[in-house]
Protein backbone atom coordinates (compact mmCIF):
# COMPACT_ATOMS: atom_id res chain seq x y z
CA UNK A 1 126.73 -71.94 78.99
CA UNK A 2 129.26 -74.52 78.27
CA UNK A 3 130.37 -75.34 74.81
CA UNK A 4 128.94 -78.82 74.82
CA UNK A 5 125.31 -77.80 75.68
CA UNK A 6 123.17 -76.12 72.95
CA UNK A 7 121.80 -72.73 73.57
CA UNK A 8 118.14 -72.69 74.66
CA UNK A 9 117.52 -70.08 72.08
CA UNK A 10 118.70 -72.23 69.01
CA UNK A 11 116.32 -74.79 67.61
CA UNK A 12 117.54 -78.48 67.85
CA UNK A 13 119.13 -79.92 64.74
CA UNK A 14 116.99 -82.88 63.66
CA UNK A 15 118.49 -85.98 62.20
CA UNK A 16 116.73 -85.42 58.90
CA UNK A 17 118.45 -82.16 58.48
CA UNK A 18 121.88 -83.74 58.87
CA UNK A 19 121.07 -86.44 56.34
CA UNK A 20 119.52 -84.17 53.74
CA UNK A 21 122.92 -83.38 52.26
CA UNK A 22 124.15 -87.04 52.09
CA UNK A 23 121.79 -88.29 49.46
CA UNK A 24 118.53 -89.95 48.87
CA UNK A 25 116.88 -93.23 49.51
CA UNK A 26 117.83 -94.60 46.26
CA UNK A 27 121.54 -94.22 47.01
CA UNK A 28 122.09 -91.97 44.06
CA UNK A 29 120.96 -94.46 41.49
CA UNK A 30 118.24 -92.14 40.22
CA UNK A 31 119.34 -88.58 39.88
CA UNK A 32 115.97 -87.10 40.54
CA UNK A 33 117.67 -83.80 41.62
CA UNK A 34 119.03 -83.48 38.08
CA UNK A 35 115.97 -83.78 35.79
CA UNK A 36 118.05 -82.79 32.73
CA UNK A 37 120.33 -85.75 33.04
CA UNK A 38 117.51 -88.24 33.77
CA UNK A 39 115.50 -87.06 30.94
CA UNK A 40 118.50 -87.20 28.58
CA UNK A 41 119.11 -90.88 29.74
CA UNK A 42 115.51 -91.95 29.06
CA UNK A 43 115.32 -90.06 25.64
CA UNK A 44 118.60 -91.78 24.51
CA UNK A 45 117.28 -95.29 25.49
CA UNK A 46 114.08 -94.69 23.53
CA UNK A 47 115.86 -93.29 20.61
CA UNK A 48 116.87 -96.72 19.88
CA UNK A 49 113.37 -97.33 18.56
CA UNK A 50 113.12 -96.87 14.71
CA UNK A 51 111.28 -93.84 13.38
CA UNK A 52 111.79 -91.95 16.89
CA UNK A 53 115.57 -92.09 16.82
CA UNK A 54 116.19 -88.64 15.25
CA UNK A 55 113.24 -87.00 17.15
CA UNK A 56 114.64 -88.27 20.57
CA UNK A 57 118.37 -88.44 19.87
CA UNK A 58 118.92 -84.68 19.47
CA UNK A 59 117.14 -83.56 22.61
CA UNK A 60 118.85 -86.36 24.52
CA UNK A 61 122.30 -84.76 23.51
CA UNK A 62 121.17 -81.29 24.43
CA UNK A 63 119.71 -82.31 27.85
CA UNK A 64 122.75 -84.32 28.51
CA UNK A 65 124.95 -81.28 28.11
CA UNK A 66 122.63 -79.24 30.36
CA UNK A 67 122.68 -82.07 33.01
CA UNK A 68 126.50 -81.97 33.04
CA UNK A 69 126.37 -78.21 33.45
CA UNK A 70 123.95 -78.66 36.31
CA UNK A 71 126.18 -81.22 37.90
CA UNK A 72 129.26 -78.92 37.56
CA UNK A 73 127.38 -75.95 39.15
CA UNK A 74 126.21 -78.06 42.05
CA UNK A 75 128.31 -81.12 42.89
CA UNK A 76 125.78 -82.34 45.38
CA UNK A 77 123.49 -83.38 42.79
CA UNK A 78 124.18 -86.57 40.93
CA UNK A 79 123.56 -87.65 37.30
CA UNK A 80 126.82 -87.29 35.48
CA UNK A 81 126.75 -90.83 34.22
CA UNK A 82 123.11 -90.54 33.12
CA UNK A 83 123.99 -87.34 31.29
CA UNK A 84 127.09 -89.05 29.60
CA UNK A 85 124.82 -91.86 28.47
CA UNK A 86 122.31 -89.42 27.06
CA UNK A 87 125.14 -87.55 25.18
CA UNK A 88 126.82 -90.72 23.66
CA UNK A 89 123.82 -92.81 23.05
CA UNK A 90 121.70 -89.94 21.78
CA UNK A 91 124.45 -88.79 19.56
CA UNK A 92 125.19 -92.24 18.27
CA UNK A 93 121.60 -93.06 17.46
CA UNK A 94 121.09 -89.73 15.76
CA UNK A 95 124.15 -90.56 13.52
CA UNK A 96 122.89 -94.01 12.91
CA UNK A 97 119.33 -92.95 11.81
CA UNK A 98 120.68 -89.98 9.67
CA UNK A 99 123.02 -92.28 8.00
CA UNK A 100 120.20 -94.83 7.43
CA UNK A 101 118.10 -92.15 5.86
CA UNK A 102 120.99 -91.02 3.71
CA UNK A 103 121.67 -94.68 2.64
CA UNK A 104 118.00 -95.21 1.89
CA UNK A 105 117.84 -92.18 -0.36
CA UNK A 106 121.06 -93.06 -2.13
CA UNK A 107 119.75 -96.72 -2.60
CA UNK A 108 116.44 -95.56 -4.10
CA UNK A 109 118.19 -93.06 -6.53
CA UNK A 110 120.54 -95.79 -7.93
CA UNK A 111 117.77 -98.09 -8.60
C-alpha cells in the first residue's frame, strides 16, 4: 500500500476525534474540564454575600490552588483564570469578613 492511502485494517479517523483535543463548544470560556477552578470561581463570587463570606472564601482559595495544580498537570484543560479569581477574591473576602468581625468585637468592647 502507498503512504497516502490508509490501511484497510486501521479504523478511519473521525473528525470528532481530531477536534476533541482542540477545545469545547464554549471556546474555553467555561472550564468544565477543571471543576476545582470553576467551583473556586463561583464560591469566590458568592463569598461577597455577607454572612457567607468566611464560609465560602476559604474553600474558594483551597479549590483555586487545586485548580491551578490540575492545570499544571494537564495543560489541555483550561481554568487558570477562574482559579486565580477564586484565590484572589476568596482570600480578599475572607480577610474582609475576618477584619469586619474583629472590628465589630473591638467596637462592642470599647462601648
